[in-house]
Amino acid sequence: MQYVTILVSVLLGACAQVLLKLGTIKAGSFALLKLFTNPYTLGGLVLYGLSALLWIVALSKVQLSYAYPMVSLGYVIVFGLSYWIFDEPISLLRAGGLVLIVLGVLMIAKS
């Protein structure tokens, strides 16, 4: 169960990043009032809060040296969502880096 908590926390954090990016796009400028009244920005902040709560629960059950590297899966999730939602390009070098991240997480998960 603690592994699911870690993964959900990481997923929520990654989705929060995407919502914050959408919030900056929709706000159109870096006006703090526009940013913090934007539903995308607010949604991203809420997801970050939920992610943090789940992270605390996860840390109470697993070793930090095991849990923390799992955060790097957020890079993989954000990468995929950025390609899908924002049409960001995927270079061979970036894809190779993601493969290395996934391999590293798998090695830690197996230890």
C-alpha atoms as a PDB file:
ATOM      1  CA  MET A   1       0.000   0.000   0.000  1.00  0.00           C
ATOM      2  CA  GLN A   2       2.849   2.419   0.785  1.00  0.00           C
ATOM      3  CA  TYR A   3       4.126   2.019  -2.801  1.00  0.00           C
ATOM      4  CA  VAL A   4       0.754   3.103  -4.147  1.00  0.00           C
ATOM      5  CA  THR A   5       0.842   6.115  -1.834  1.00  0.00           C
ATOM      6  CA  ILE A   6       4.264   7.094  -3.169  1.00  0.00           C
ATOM      7  CA  LEU A   7       3.168   6.714  -6.789  1.00  0.00           C
ATOM      8  CA  VAL A   8      -0.064   8.670  -6.276  1.00  0.00           C
ATOM      9  CA  SER A   9       1.888  11.431  -4.528  1.00  0.00           C
ATOM     10  CA  VAL A  10       4.340  11.613  -7.433  1.00  0.00           C
ATOM     11  CA  LEU A  11       1.502  11.570  -9.983  1.00  0.00           C
ATOM     12  CA  LEU A  12      -0.320  14.390  -8.192  1.00  0.00           C
ATOM     13  CA  GLY A  13       2.888  16.436  -8.060  1.00  0.00           C
ATOM     14  CA  ALA A  14       3.455  15.943 -11.787  1.00  0.00           C
ATOM     15  CA  CYS A  15      -0.123  16.908 -12.602  1.00  0.00           C
ATOM     16  CA  ALA A  16       0.298  19.968 -10.383  1.00  0.00           C
ATOM     17  CA  GLN A  17       3.265  21.032 -12.540  1.00  0.00           C
ATOM     18  CA  VAL A  18       1.173  20.753 -15.688  1.00  0.00           C
ATOM     19  CA  LEU A  19      -1.677  22.753 -14.154  1.00  0.00           C
ATOM     20  CA  LEU A  20       0.745  25.468 -13.046  1.00  0.00           C
ATOM     21  CA  LYS A  21       2.107  25.662 -16.592  1.00  0.00           C
ATOM     22  CA  LEU A  22      -1.440  25.909 -17.960  1.00  0.00           C
ATOM     23  CA  GLY A  23      -2.141  28.630 -15.403  1.00  0.00           C
ATOM     24  CA  THR A  24       0.772  30.707 -16.642  1.00  0.00           C
ATOM     25  CA  ILE A  25      -0.330  30.257 -20.237  1.00  0.00           C
ATOM     26  CA  LYS A  26      -3.935  31.204 -19.496  1.00  0.00           C
ATOM     27  CA  ALA A  27      -2.960  34.202 -17.338  1.00  0.00           C
ATOM     28  CA  GLY A  28      -1.058  35.633 -20.306  1.00  0.00           C
ATOM     29  CA  SER A  29       1.343  37.636 -18.178  1.00  0.00           C
ATOM     30  CA  PHE A  30       3.199  37.365 -14.931  1.00  0.00           C
ATOM     31  CA  ALA A  31       0.653  39.318 -12.918  1.00  0.00           C
ATOM     32  CA  LEU A  32       0.378  37.703  -9.502  1.00  0.00           C
ATOM     33  CA  LEU A  33      -3.310  38.480  -9.130  1.00  0.00           C
ATOM     34  CA  LYS A  34      -4.089  36.873 -12.490  1.00  0.00           C
ATOM     35  CA  LEU A  35      -1.948  33.852 -11.670  1.00  0.00           C
ATOM     36  CA  PHE A  36      -3.415  33.211  -8.241  1.00  0.00           C
ATOM     37  CA  THR A  37      -7.021  33.666  -9.293  1.00  0.00           C
ATOM     38  CA  ASN A  38      -6.603  31.365 -12.264  1.00  0.00           C
ATOM     39  CA  PRO A  39      -8.378  28.006 -11.764  1.00  0.00           C
ATOM     40  CA  TYR A  40      -5.469  26.093 -13.304  1.00  0.00           C
ATOM     41  CA  THR A  41      -2.984  27.668 -10.907  1.00  0.00           C
ATOM     42  CA  LEU A  42      -5.282  27.098  -7.954  1.00  0.00           C
ATOM     43  CA  GLY A  43      -5.826  23.505  -9.026  1.00  0.00           C
ATOM     44  CA  GLY A  44      -2.078  22.983  -9.283  1.00  0.00           C
ATOM     45  CA  LEU A  45      -1.559  24.339  -5.784  1.00  0.00           C
ATOM     46  CA  VAL A  46      -4.304  22.081  -4.412  1.00  0.00           C
ATOM     47  CA  LEU A  47      -2.742  19.055  -6.089  1.00  0.00           C
ATOM     48  CA  TYR A  48       0.639  19.994  -4.607  1.00  0.00           C
ATOM     49  CA  GLY A  49      -0.972  20.124  -1.182  1.00  0.00           C
ATOM     50  CA  LEU A  50      -2.562  16.697  -1.618  1.00  0.00           C
ATOM     51  CA  SER A  51       0.717  15.352  -2.950  1.00  0.00           C
ATOM     52  CA  ALA A  52       2.543  16.642   0.127  1.00  0.00           C
ATOM     53  CA  LEU A  53       0.023  15.042   2.480  1.00  0.00           C
ATOM     54  CA  LEU A  54       0.351  11.681   0.760  1.00  0.00           C
ATOM     55  CA  TRP A  55       4.135  12.046   0.763  1.00  0.00           C
ATOM     56  CA  ILE A  56       4.119  12.514   4.524  1.00  0.00           C
ATOM     57  CA  VAL A  57       2.004   9.379   4.894  1.00  0.00           C
ATOM     58  CA  ALA A  58       4.397   7.449   2.657  1.00  0.00           C
ATOM     59  CA  LEU A  59       7.453   8.649   4.567  1.00  0.00           C
ATOM     60  CA  SER A  60       5.946   7.401   7.791  1.00  0.00           C
ATOM     61  CA  LYS A  61       5.936   3.873   6.339  1.00  0.00           C
ATOM     62  CA  VAL A  62       9.045   3.503   4.144  1.00  0.00           C
ATOM     63  CA  GLN A  63      12.697   4.456   4.254  1.00  0.00           C
ATOM     64  CA  LEU A  64      13.486   7.884   2.866  1.00  0.00           C
ATOM     65  CA  SER A  65      16.394   6.458   0.872  1.00  0.00           C
ATOM     66  CA  TYR A  66      13.872   4.226  -0.910  1.00  0.00           C
ATOM     67  CA  ALA A  67      11.038   6.729  -1.305  1.00  0.00           C
ATOM     68  CA  TYR A  68      12.902   9.832  -2.443  1.00  0.00           C
ATOM     69  CA  PRO A  69      14.346   8.435  -5.688  1.00  0.00           C
ATOM     70  CA  MET A  70      10.774   7.578  -6.706  1.00  0.00           C
ATOM     71  CA  VAL A  71      10.150  11.322  -6.995  1.00  0.00           C
ATOM     72  CA  SER A  72      12.214  11.222 -10.184  1.00  0.00           C
ATOM     73  CA  LEU A  73       9.333   9.361 -11.834  1.00  0.00           C
ATOM     74  CA  GLY A  74       7.665  12.763 -11.812  1.00  0.00           C
ATOM     75  CA  TYR A  75      10.151  13.823 -14.508  1.00  0.00           C
ATOM     76  CA  VAL A  76       8.969  10.978 -16.691  1.00  0.00           C
ATOM     77  CA  ILE A  77       5.294  11.803 -16.129  1.00  0.00           C
ATOM     78  CA  VAL A  78       5.797  15.530 -16.770  1.00  0.00           C
ATOM     79  CA  PHE A  79       7.804  14.720 -19.888  1.00  0.00           C
ATOM     80  CA  GLY A  80       4.960  12.630 -21.309  1.00  0.00           C
ATOM     81  CA  LEU A  81       2.277  15.129 -20.357  1.00  0.00           C
ATOM     82  CA  SER A  82       4.317  17.999 -21.816  1.00  0.00           C
ATOM     83  CA  TYR A  83       4.570  16.181 -25.122  1.00  0.00           C
ATOM     84  CA  TRP A  84       0.877  15.308 -25.115  1.00  0.00           C
ATOM     85  CA  ILE A  85      -0.625  18.575 -23.811  1.00  0.00           C
ATOM     86  CA  PHE A  86       1.868  21.262 -24.873  1.00  0.00           C
ATOM     87  CA  ASP A  87       3.207  19.526 -27.987  1.00  0.00           C
ATOM     88  CA  GLU A  88       6.761  19.857 -26.699  1.00  0.00           C
ATOM     89  CA  PRO A  89       9.406  18.077 -28.768  1.00  0.00           C
ATOM     90  CA  ILE A  90      11.081  14.831 -27.729  1.00  0.00           C
ATOM     91  CA  SER A  91      14.759  14.727 -28.550  1.00  0.00           C
ATOM     92  CA  LEU A  92      16.786  11.533 -28.567  1.00  0.00           C
ATOM     93  CA  LEU A  93      18.988  12.895 -25.773  1.00  0.00           C
ATOM     94  CA  ARG A  94      15.982  13.646 -23.536  1.00  0.00           C
ATOM     95  CA  ALA A  95      14.434  10.266 -24.225  1.00  0.00           C
ATOM     96  CA  GLY A  96      17.744   8.598 -23.349  1.00  0.00           C
ATOM     97  CA  GLY A  97      17.865  10.530 -20.091  1.00  0.00           C
ATOM     98  CA  LEU A  98      14.367   9.367 -19.211  1.00  0.00           C
ATOM     99  CA  VAL A  99      15.344   5.764 -19.877  1.00  0.00           C
ATOM    100  CA  LEU A 100      18.236   6.178 -17.447  1.00  0.00           C
ATOM    101  CA  ILE A 101      15.901   7.654 -14.813  1.00  0.00           C
ATOM    102  CA  VAL A 102      13.473   4.760 -15.162  1.00  0.00           C
ATOM    103  CA  LEU A 103      16.288   2.221 -14.976  1.00  0.00           C
ATOM    104  CA  GLY A 104      17.608   3.893 -11.840  1.00  0.00           C
ATOM    105  CA  VAL A 105      14.194   3.857 -10.182  1.00  0.00           C
ATOM    106  CA  LEU A 106      13.749   0.183 -11.090  1.00  0.00           C
ATOM    107  CA  MET A 107      17.125  -0.654  -9.584  1.00  0.00           C
ATOM    108  CA  ILE A 108      16.198   1.107  -6.343  1.00  0.00           C
ATOM    109  CA  ALA A 109      12.751  -0.511  -6.271  1.00  0.00           C
ATOM    110  CA  LYS A 110      14.348  -3.960  -6.580  1.00  0.00           C
ATOM    111  CA  SER A 111      16.828  -3.323  -3.756  1.00  0.00           C
END
